């Protein structure tokens, strides 16, 4: 494990700069999650009991930036003793800075705002199966894997195992392989409602009055030595409710809503 520095994060970014960026972005985005729309949070207790390093959060993904912005609010609130609420934004004055998220390099390299988000704690990776909207087939960059492991050695990391905002897309085995090697505590997050509330990038409000939800689930029970990467991935996908059985339930609910509206 790399020795922690009191002035910089795992990648040499100055803490005071990260605090400033998180504070400004938090102030700008606050009303999106506790104003125009009300973010519902459950399961904070599973986060509070964790140690400061080697904790991996796995989540489904609905927008490029709104999901992550909401998570920053929630993690900063929990870091300051607030359970399942972001009603008191004073937590932005003392943000959690050893917090990182995995993001597609092609997304984070586009535009000024994306680069600002990147400074807040992004670990960029090149997708091995898709680039610039086209299918590709390339090898995993081991440097990127090492960067994720370095971040886990120094704090908490969130990753989106589907690698896309498309609902019920299949999970990528790379996340499970990382878990077998690094052996972190793995906490699933299920999010919902972000796609209805925000545009695909998560920068514009699409609909007001929506109640997006963020649910932390208990840490996964993983046998790091004996379970295969496929078995670990299956556990993750069930926990974040992105398997076919949940897709069927989703389709049924949508059909029922339409029938009720017609009545």
C-alpha atoms as a PDB file:
ATOM      1  CA  UNK A   1       0.000   0.000   0.000  1.00  0.00           C
ATOM      2  CA  UNK A   2       1.339   3.410  -0.993  1.00  0.00           C
ATOM      3  CA  UNK A   3       2.019   5.817   1.845  1.00  0.00           C
ATOM      4  CA  UNK A   4      -0.685   8.466   2.125  1.00  0.00           C
ATOM      5  CA  UNK A   5       0.259  12.109   1.731  1.00  0.00           C
ATOM      6  CA  UNK A   6      -1.418  14.823   3.802  1.00  0.00           C
ATOM      7  CA  UNK A   7      -1.289  17.330   0.918  1.00  0.00           C
ATOM      8  CA  UNK A   8      -2.148  15.302  -2.182  1.00  0.00           C
ATOM      9  CA  UNK A   9      -4.342  12.387  -3.183  1.00  0.00           C
ATOM     10  CA  UNK A  10      -3.233   9.055  -4.682  1.00  0.00           C
ATOM     11  CA  UNK A  11      -2.469  10.727  -8.033  1.00  0.00           C
ATOM     12  CA  UNK A  12      -0.741  13.852  -6.800  1.00  0.00           C
ATOM     13  CA  UNK A  13      -3.760  16.174  -7.008  1.00  0.00           C
ATOM     14  CA  UNK A  14      -3.709  18.836  -4.307  1.00  0.00           C
ATOM     15  CA  UNK A  15      -6.345  18.277  -1.635  1.00  0.00           C
ATOM     16  CA  UNK A  16      -7.137  21.976  -1.274  1.00  0.00           C
ATOM     17  CA  UNK A  17      -7.901  22.151  -5.012  1.00  0.00           C
ATOM     18  CA  UNK A  18     -10.112  19.047  -4.858  1.00  0.00           C
ATOM     19  CA  UNK A  19     -11.982  20.479  -1.863  1.00  0.00           C
ATOM     20  CA  UNK A  20     -12.568  23.719  -3.749  1.00  0.00           C
ATOM     21  CA  UNK A  21     -13.803  21.929  -6.886  1.00  0.00           C
ATOM     22  CA  UNK A  22     -16.111  19.602  -4.931  1.00  0.00           C
ATOM     23  CA  UNK A  23     -17.469  22.574  -2.972  1.00  0.00           C
ATOM     24  CA  UNK A  24     -18.204  24.649  -6.097  1.00  0.00           C
ATOM     25  CA  UNK A  25     -19.738  21.746  -8.027  1.00  0.00           C
ATOM     26  CA  UNK A  26     -21.731  20.798  -4.928  1.00  0.00           C
ATOM     27  CA  UNK A  27     -23.156  24.305  -4.525  1.00  0.00           C
ATOM     28  CA  UNK A  28     -24.079  24.465  -8.220  1.00  0.00           C
ATOM     29  CA  UNK A  29     -25.755  21.040  -8.258  1.00  0.00           C
ATOM     30  CA  UNK A  30     -27.387  21.075  -4.809  1.00  0.00           C
ATOM     31  CA  UNK A  31     -30.853  22.224  -5.888  1.00  0.00           C
ATOM     32  CA  UNK A  32     -30.960  19.470  -8.497  1.00  0.00           C
ATOM     33  CA  UNK A  33     -31.051  16.902  -5.690  1.00  0.00           C
ATOM     34  CA  UNK A  34     -32.773  18.813  -2.902  1.00  0.00           C
ATOM     35  CA  UNK A  35     -34.921  21.343  -4.702  1.00  0.00           C
ATOM     36  CA  UNK A  36     -36.177  20.678  -8.213  1.00  0.00           C
ATOM     37  CA  UNK A  37     -36.010  16.981  -7.390  1.00  0.00           C
ATOM     38  CA  UNK A  38     -35.710  15.279  -3.998  1.00  0.00           C
ATOM     39  CA  UNK A  39     -33.039  12.600  -3.721  1.00  0.00           C
ATOM     40  CA  UNK A  40     -34.131   9.630  -1.604  1.00  0.00           C
ATOM     41  CA  UNK A  41     -31.227   7.884   0.168  1.00  0.00           C
ATOM     42  CA  UNK A  42     -31.298   4.577   2.044  1.00  0.00           C
ATOM     43  CA  UNK A  43     -28.650   2.305   3.551  1.00  0.00           C
ATOM     44  CA  UNK A  44     -26.138   4.917   4.772  1.00  0.00           C
ATOM     45  CA  UNK A  45     -25.394   2.659   7.721  1.00  0.00           C
ATOM     46  CA  UNK A  46     -23.574   0.230   5.422  1.00  0.00           C
ATOM     47  CA  UNK A  47     -21.197   3.013   4.427  1.00  0.00           C
ATOM     48  CA  UNK A  48     -20.558   4.502   7.871  1.00  0.00           C
ATOM     49  CA  UNK A  49     -19.158   1.250   9.253  1.00  0.00           C
ATOM     50  CA  UNK A  50     -16.468   0.905   6.568  1.00  0.00           C
ATOM     51  CA  UNK A  51     -12.763   1.614   6.931  1.00  0.00           C
ATOM     52  CA  UNK A  52     -11.109   4.475   5.037  1.00  0.00           C
ATOM     53  CA  UNK A  53      -9.456   2.381   2.320  1.00  0.00           C
ATOM     54  CA  UNK A  54     -10.054  -0.573  -0.023  1.00  0.00           C
ATOM     55  CA  UNK A  55     -13.818  -0.145  -0.324  1.00  0.00           C
ATOM     56  CA  UNK A  56     -15.309  -0.588  -3.792  1.00  0.00           C
ATOM     57  CA  UNK A  57     -18.818   0.619  -4.586  1.00  0.00           C
ATOM     58  CA  UNK A  58     -20.489  -0.974  -7.613  1.00  0.00           C
ATOM     59  CA  UNK A  59     -23.502   0.690  -9.176  1.00  0.00           C
ATOM     60  CA  UNK A  60     -25.783   0.736 -12.165  1.00  0.00           C
ATOM     61  CA  UNK A  61     -25.493   3.865 -14.293  1.00  0.00           C
ATOM     62  CA  UNK A  62     -28.157   6.154 -15.781  1.00  0.00           C
ATOM     63  CA  UNK A  63     -26.484   9.467 -16.740  1.00  0.00           C
ATOM     64  CA  UNK A  64     -22.903  10.548 -17.386  1.00  0.00           C
ATOM     65  CA  UNK A  65     -22.575  13.057 -14.539  1.00  0.00           C
ATOM     66  CA  UNK A  66     -25.738  13.372 -12.406  1.00  0.00           C
ATOM     67  CA  UNK A  67     -25.254   9.919 -10.828  1.00  0.00           C
ATOM     68  CA  UNK A  68     -21.712  10.737  -9.729  1.00  0.00           C
ATOM     69  CA  UNK A  69     -22.631  14.264  -8.579  1.00  0.00           C
ATOM     70  CA  UNK A  70     -25.387  12.847  -6.367  1.00  0.00           C
ATOM     71  CA  UNK A  71     -22.964  10.288  -4.945  1.00  0.00           C
ATOM     72  CA  UNK A  72     -20.500  13.022  -4.039  1.00  0.00           C
ATOM     73  CA  UNK A  73     -23.252  14.800  -2.118  1.00  0.00           C
ATOM     74  CA  UNK A  74     -24.211  11.611  -0.303  1.00  0.00           C
ATOM     75  CA  UNK A  75     -20.662  10.522   0.559  1.00  0.00           C
ATOM     76  CA  UNK A  76     -19.755  13.997   1.804  1.00  0.00           C
ATOM     77  CA  UNK A  77     -22.925  14.075   3.923  1.00  0.00           C
ATOM     78  CA  UNK A  78     -22.160  10.652   5.430  1.00  0.00           C
ATOM     79  CA  UNK A  79     -18.575  11.776   6.067  1.00  0.00           C
ATOM     80  CA  UNK A  80     -20.006  14.558   8.234  1.00  0.00           C
ATOM     81  CA  UNK A  81     -22.448  12.421  10.197  1.00  0.00           C
ATOM     82  CA  UNK A  82     -25.640  12.863   8.173  1.00  0.00           C
ATOM     83  CA  UNK A  83     -27.589   9.657   7.615  1.00  0.00           C
ATOM     84  CA  UNK A  84     -29.762   9.205   4.535  1.00  0.00           C
ATOM     85  CA  UNK A  85     -30.098  12.944   3.952  1.00  0.00           C
ATOM     86  CA  UNK A  86     -28.414  15.824   2.141  1.00  0.00           C
ATOM     87  CA  UNK A  87     -30.651  18.518   3.647  1.00  0.00           C
ATOM     88  CA  UNK A  88     -27.773  20.392   5.308  1.00  0.00           C
ATOM     89  CA  UNK A  89     -25.202  21.317   2.623  1.00  0.00           C
ATOM     90  CA  UNK A  90     -22.708  22.436   5.271  1.00  0.00           C
ATOM     91  CA  UNK A  91     -21.117  19.043   4.556  1.00  0.00           C
ATOM     92  CA  UNK A  92     -19.660  20.590   1.391  1.00  0.00           C
ATOM     93  CA  UNK A  93     -17.230  22.517   3.587  1.00  0.00           C
ATOM     94  CA  UNK A  94     -15.644  19.221   4.632  1.00  0.00           C
ATOM     95  CA  UNK A  95     -15.868  16.937   1.591  1.00  0.00           C
ATOM     96  CA  UNK A  96     -14.551  13.392   1.347  1.00  0.00           C
ATOM     97  CA  UNK A  97     -11.478  13.805  -0.834  1.00  0.00           C
ATOM     98  CA  UNK A  98     -10.100  10.234  -0.927  1.00  0.00           C
ATOM     99  CA  UNK A  99     -13.012   9.222  -3.115  1.00  0.00           C
ATOM    100  CA  UNK A 100     -12.608   8.251  -6.757  1.00  0.00           C
ATOM    101  CA  UNK A 101     -14.811   7.047  -9.577  1.00  0.00           C
ATOM    102  CA  UNK A 102     -14.059   5.087 -12.730  1.00  0.00           C
ATOM    103  CA  UNK A 103     -15.109   6.837 -15.949  1.00  0.00           C
ATOM    104  CA  UNK A 104     -14.670   6.345 -19.685  1.00  0.00           C
ATOM    105  CA  UNK A 105     -11.721   8.334 -20.988  1.00  0.00           C
ATOM    106  CA  UNK A 106     -13.557   9.466 -24.109  1.00  0.00           C
ATOM    107  CA  UNK A 107     -16.301  10.991 -21.940  1.00  0.00           C
ATOM    108  CA  UNK A 108     -13.981  12.794 -19.534  1.00  0.00           C
ATOM    109  CA  UNK A 109     -11.803  14.292 -22.283  1.00  0.00           C
ATOM    110  CA  UNK A 110     -14.688  16.115 -23.954  1.00  0.00           C
ATOM    111  CA  UNK A 111     -15.283  19.713 -22.928  1.00  0.00           C
ATOM    112  CA  UNK A 112     -14.202  22.002 -20.118  1.00  0.00           C
ATOM    113  CA  UNK A 113     -16.804  20.827 -17.600  1.00  0.00           C
ATOM    114  CA  UNK A 114     -15.788  17.194 -18.081  1.00  0.00           C
ATOM    115  CA  UNK A 115     -12.205  18.092 -17.243  1.00  0.00           C
ATOM    116  CA  UNK A 116     -13.353  19.837 -14.068  1.00  0.00           C
ATOM    117  CA  UNK A 117     -15.255  16.699 -13.055  1.00  0.00           C
ATOM    118  CA  UNK A 118     -12.093  14.739 -13.801  1.00  0.00           C
ATOM    119  CA  UNK A 119     -10.103  16.762 -11.258  1.00  0.00           C
ATOM    120  CA  UNK A 120     -12.661  15.899  -8.582  1.00  0.00           C
ATOM    121  CA  UNK A 121     -11.501  12.277  -8.627  1.00  0.00           C
ATOM    122  CA  UNK A 122     -11.981  10.502 -11.956  1.00  0.00           C
ATOM    123  CA  UNK A 123      -9.923   7.425 -12.850  1.00  0.00           C
ATOM    124  CA  UNK A 124     -10.205   7.325 -16.625  1.00  0.00           C
ATOM    125  CA  UNK A 125     -10.165   4.056 -18.551  1.00  0.00           C
ATOM    126  CA  UNK A 126     -10.411   3.195 -22.229  1.00  0.00           C
ATOM    127  CA  UNK A 127     -13.341   0.884 -22.886  1.00  0.00           C
ATOM    128  CA  UNK A 128     -12.121  -2.340 -24.478  1.00  0.00           C
ATOM    129  CA  UNK A 129     -15.349  -3.035 -26.376  1.00  0.00           C
ATOM    130  CA  UNK A 130     -16.490   0.385 -27.625  1.00  0.00           C
ATOM    131  CA  UNK A 131     -14.942   3.714 -28.669  1.00  0.00           C
ATOM    132  CA  UNK A 132     -16.427   6.788 -30.314  1.00  0.00           C
ATOM    133  CA  UNK A 133     -19.716   4.954 -30.732  1.00  0.00           C
ATOM    134  CA  UNK A 134     -18.140   2.033 -32.617  1.00  0.00           C
ATOM    135  CA  UNK A 135     -17.437  -1.540 -31.553  1.00  0.00           C
ATOM    136  CA  UNK A 136     -13.754  -2.270 -30.904  1.00  0.00           C
ATOM    137  CA  UNK A 137     -11.732  -5.138 -29.488  1.00  0.00           C
ATOM    138  CA  UNK A 138      -8.610  -4.068 -27.630  1.00  0.00           C
ATOM    139  CA  UNK A 139      -6.533  -5.260 -24.725  1.00  0.00           C
ATOM    140  CA  UNK A 140      -6.977  -3.951 -21.203  1.00  0.00           C
ATOM    141  CA  UNK A 141      -4.450  -1.250 -20.319  1.00  0.00           C
ATOM    142  CA  UNK A 142      -2.756  -2.611 -17.177  1.00  0.00           C
ATOM    143  CA  UNK A 143      -1.757   0.906 -16.147  1.00  0.00           C
ATOM    144  CA  UNK A 144      -5.437   1.757 -15.776  1.00  0.00           C
ATOM    145  CA  UNK A 145      -5.991  -1.309 -13.580  1.00  0.00           C
ATOM    146  CA  UNK A 146      -3.012  -0.273 -11.445  1.00  0.00           C
ATOM    147  CA  UNK A 147      -4.543   3.195 -11.063  1.00  0.00           C
ATOM    148  CA  UNK A 148      -7.771   1.720  -9.699  1.00  0.00           C
ATOM    149  CA  UNK A 149      -5.804  -0.450  -7.270  1.00  0.00           C
ATOM    150  CA  UNK A 150      -3.776   2.588  -6.193  1.00  0.00           C
ATOM    151  CA  UNK A 151      -6.995   4.504  -5.519  1.00  0.00           C
ATOM    152  CA  UNK A 152      -8.361   1.598  -3.459  1.00  0.00           C
ATOM    153  CA  UNK A 153      -5.138   1.533  -1.452  1.00  0.00           C
ATOM    154  CA  UNK A 154      -5.749   5.175  -0.566  1.00  0.00           C
ATOM    155  CA  UNK A 155      -9.526   5.481  -0.322  1.00  0.00           C
ATOM    156  CA  UNK A 156     -12.901   4.517  -1.770  1.00  0.00           C
ATOM    157  CA  UNK A 157     -13.705   3.882  -5.423  1.00  0.00           C
ATOM    158  CA  UNK A 158     -16.981   3.670  -7.270  1.00  0.00           C
ATOM    159  CA  UNK A 159     -17.251   1.785 -10.545  1.00  0.00           C
ATOM    160  CA  UNK A 160     -20.043   1.025 -12.972  1.00  0.00           C
ATOM    161  CA  UNK A 161     -19.560  -2.620 -14.033  1.00  0.00           C
ATOM    162  CA  UNK A 162     -21.847  -2.284 -17.059  1.00  0.00           C
ATOM    163  CA  UNK A 163     -19.671   0.480 -18.497  1.00  0.00           C
ATOM    164  CA  UNK A 164     -22.703   2.187 -20.043  1.00  0.00           C
ATOM    165  CA  UNK A 165     -25.842   4.094 -19.086  1.00  0.00           C
ATOM    166  CA  UNK A 166     -28.019   1.563 -20.952  1.00  0.00           C
ATOM    167  CA  UNK A 167     -30.325  -0.290 -18.584  1.00  0.00           C
ATOM    168  CA  UNK A 168     -29.803  -4.038 -18.151  1.00  0.00           C
ATOM    169  CA  UNK A 169     -26.612  -4.097 -20.228  1.00  0.00           C
ATOM    170  CA  UNK A 170     -24.375  -7.039 -19.377  1.00  0.00           C
ATOM    171  CA  UNK A 171     -21.661  -6.563 -16.759  1.00  0.00           C
ATOM    172  CA  UNK A 172     -17.979  -6.540 -17.667  1.00  0.00           C
ATOM    173  CA  UNK A 173     -15.750  -9.201 -16.143  1.00  0.00           C
ATOM    174  CA  UNK A 174     -12.886  -6.746 -15.542  1.00  0.00           C
ATOM    175  CA  UNK A 175     -14.549  -5.472 -12.370  1.00  0.00           C
ATOM    176  CA  UNK A 176     -14.825  -8.997 -10.968  1.00  0.00           C
ATOM    177  CA  UNK A 177     -11.185  -9.777 -11.826  1.00  0.00           C
ATOM    178  CA  UNK A 178     -10.103  -6.623 -10.010  1.00  0.00           C
ATOM    179  CA  UNK A 179     -12.105  -7.698  -6.966  1.00  0.00           C
ATOM    180  CA  UNK A 180     -10.407 -11.111  -6.893  1.00  0.00           C
ATOM    181  CA  UNK A 181      -6.965  -9.491  -6.997  1.00  0.00           C
ATOM    182  CA  UNK A 182      -7.508  -6.538  -4.659  1.00  0.00           C
ATOM    183  CA  UNK A 183     -10.014  -8.165  -2.256  1.00  0.00           C
ATOM    184  CA  UNK A 184     -11.884  -4.962  -1.334  1.00  0.00           C
ATOM    185  CA  UNK A 185     -15.097  -4.656   0.615  1.00  0.00           C
ATOM    186  CA  UNK A 186     -17.731  -4.489  -2.137  1.00  0.00           C
ATOM    187  CA  UNK A 187     -20.868  -2.421  -1.518  1.00  0.00           C
ATOM    188  CA  UNK A 188     -23.592  -2.425  -4.197  1.00  0.00           C
ATOM    189  CA  UNK A 189     -25.549   0.731  -5.009  1.00  0.00           C
ATOM    190  CA  UNK A 190     -28.859   0.691  -6.820  1.00  0.00           C
ATOM    191  CA  UNK A 191     -29.896   4.009  -8.364  1.00  0.00           C
ATOM    192  CA  UNK A 192     -33.199   4.842 -10.019  1.00  0.00           C
ATOM    193  CA  UNK A 193     -35.008   7.874 -11.392  1.00  0.00           C
ATOM    194  CA  UNK A 194     -31.957   9.744 -12.695  1.00  0.00           C
ATOM    195  CA  UNK A 195     -32.857   8.926 -16.286  1.00  0.00           C
ATOM    196  CA  UNK A 196     -36.318  10.448 -15.788  1.00  0.00           C
ATOM    197  CA  UNK A 197     -35.047  13.547 -14.002  1.00  0.00           C
ATOM    198  CA  UNK A 198     -32.021  14.449 -16.140  1.00  0.00           C
ATOM    199  CA  UNK A 199     -30.823  14.322 -19.727  1.00  0.00           C
ATOM    200  CA  UNK A 200     -28.349  11.612 -20.761  1.00  0.00           C
ATOM    201  CA  UNK A 201     -25.316  13.715 -19.817  1.00  0.00           C
ATOM    202  CA  UNK A 202     -26.907  14.565 -16.484  1.00  0.00           C
ATOM    203  CA  UNK A 203     -26.311  18.281 -16.928  1.00  0.00           C
ATOM    204  CA  UNK A 204     -29.841  19.446 -17.777  1.00  0.00           C
ATOM    205  CA  UNK A 205     -33.014  18.898 -15.775  1.00  0.00           C
ATOM    206  CA  UNK A 206     -35.469  16.989 -17.952  1.00  0.00           C
ATOM    207  CA  UNK A 207     -38.323  16.790 -15.462  1.00  0.00           C
ATOM    208  CA  UNK A 208     -38.982  18.386 -12.072  1.00  0.00           C
ATOM    209  CA  UNK A 209     -40.700  16.729  -9.148  1.00  0.00           C
ATOM    210  CA  UNK A 210     -38.994  13.378  -9.682  1.00  0.00           C
ATOM    211  CA  UNK A 211     -37.664  11.499  -6.652  1.00  0.00           C
ATOM    212  CA  UNK A 212     -34.376   9.900  -7.765  1.00  0.00           C
ATOM    213  CA  UNK A 213     -33.234   7.199  -5.368  1.00  0.00           C
ATOM    214  CA  UNK A 214     -29.857   5.934  -4.214  1.00  0.00           C
ATOM    215  CA  UNK A 215     -29.858   2.720  -2.196  1.00  0.00           C
ATOM    216  CA  UNK A 216     -26.761   1.301  -0.515  1.00  0.00           C
ATOM    217  CA  UNK A 217     -26.967  -2.442   0.014  1.00  0.00           C
ATOM    218  CA  UNK A 218     -25.068  -4.660   2.486  1.00  0.00           C
ATOM    219  CA  UNK A 219     -21.485  -5.576   1.536  1.00  0.00           C
ATOM    220  CA  UNK A 220     -21.334  -8.626  -0.706  1.00  0.00           C
ATOM    221  CA  UNK A 221     -20.296 -11.926   0.833  1.00  0.00           C
ATOM    222  CA  UNK A 222     -17.438 -12.965  -1.458  1.00  0.00           C
ATOM    223  CA  UNK A 223     -15.087 -15.922  -1.266  1.00  0.00           C
ATOM    224  CA  UNK A 224     -12.147 -14.193  -2.938  1.00  0.00           C
ATOM    225  CA  UNK A 225     -10.085 -17.359  -3.207  1.00  0.00           C
ATOM    226  CA  UNK A 226     -12.628 -19.869  -4.458  1.00  0.00           C
ATOM    227  CA  UNK A 227     -15.284 -17.942  -6.383  1.00  0.00           C
ATOM    228  CA  UNK A 228     -14.626 -17.323 -10.066  1.00  0.00           C
ATOM    229  CA  UNK A 229     -14.799 -13.908 -11.693  1.00  0.00           C
ATOM    230  CA  UNK A 230     -18.055 -14.942 -13.364  1.00  0.00           C
ATOM    231  CA  UNK A 231     -19.595 -15.906 -10.018  1.00  0.00           C
ATOM    232  CA  UNK A 232     -18.553 -12.595  -8.466  1.00  0.00           C
ATOM    233  CA  UNK A 233     -19.940 -10.690 -11.442  1.00  0.00           C
ATOM    234  CA  UNK A 234     -23.241 -12.553 -11.154  1.00  0.00           C
ATOM    235  CA  UNK A 235     -23.518 -11.493  -7.501  1.00  0.00           C
ATOM    236  CA  UNK A 236     -22.850  -7.884  -8.436  1.00  0.00           C
ATOM    237  CA  UNK A 237     -25.428  -7.789 -11.223  1.00  0.00           C
ATOM    238  CA  UNK A 238     -28.119  -9.293  -8.999  1.00  0.00           C
ATOM    239  CA  UNK A 239     -27.279  -6.852  -6.193  1.00  0.00           C
ATOM    240  CA  UNK A 240     -27.597  -3.792  -8.452  1.00  0.00           C
ATOM    241  CA  UNK A 241     -30.740  -5.336  -9.988  1.00  0.00           C
ATOM    242  CA  UNK A 242     -29.537  -5.409 -13.580  1.00  0.00           C
ATOM    243  CA  UNK A 243     -30.206  -9.056 -14.457  1.00  0.00           C
ATOM    244  CA  UNK A 244     -32.897 -10.311 -16.829  1.00  0.00           C
ATOM    245  CA  UNK A 245     -35.301 -11.168 -14.017  1.00  0.00           C
ATOM    246  CA  UNK A 246     -35.361  -7.503 -12.961  1.00  0.00           C
ATOM    247  CA  UNK A 247     -35.727  -6.463 -16.588  1.00  0.00           C
ATOM    248  CA  UNK A 248     -38.851  -8.616 -16.823  1.00  0.00           C
ATOM    249  CA  UNK A 249     -40.268  -7.035 -13.677  1.00  0.00           C
ATOM    250  CA  UNK A 250     -39.458  -3.577 -15.059  1.00  0.00           C
ATOM    251  CA  UNK A 251     -41.280  -4.326 -18.313  1.00  0.00           C
ATOM    252  CA  UNK A 252     -44.278  -5.639 -16.382  1.00  0.00           C
ATOM    253  CA  UNK A 253     -44.435  -2.516 -14.195  1.00  0.00           C
ATOM    254  CA  UNK A 254     -44.248  -0.239 -17.243  1.00  0.00           C
ATOM    255  CA  UNK A 255     -47.027  -2.192 -18.979  1.00  0.00           C
ATOM    256  CA  UNK A 256     -49.183  -1.996 -15.847  1.00  0.00           C
ATOM    257  CA  UNK A 257     -48.679   1.785 -15.601  1.00  0.00           C
ATOM    258  CA  UNK A 258     -49.768   2.251 -19.213  1.00  0.00           C
ATOM    259  CA  UNK A 259     -52.869   0.104 -18.675  1.00  0.00           C
ATOM    260  CA  UNK A 260     -53.791   2.089 -15.544  1.00  0.00           C
ATOM    261  CA  UNK A 261     -53.352   5.376 -17.397  1.00  0.00           C
ATOM    262  CA  UNK A 262     -55.683   4.187 -20.142  1.00  0.00           C
ATOM    263  CA  UNK A 263     -58.334   3.380 -17.563  1.00  0.00           C
END
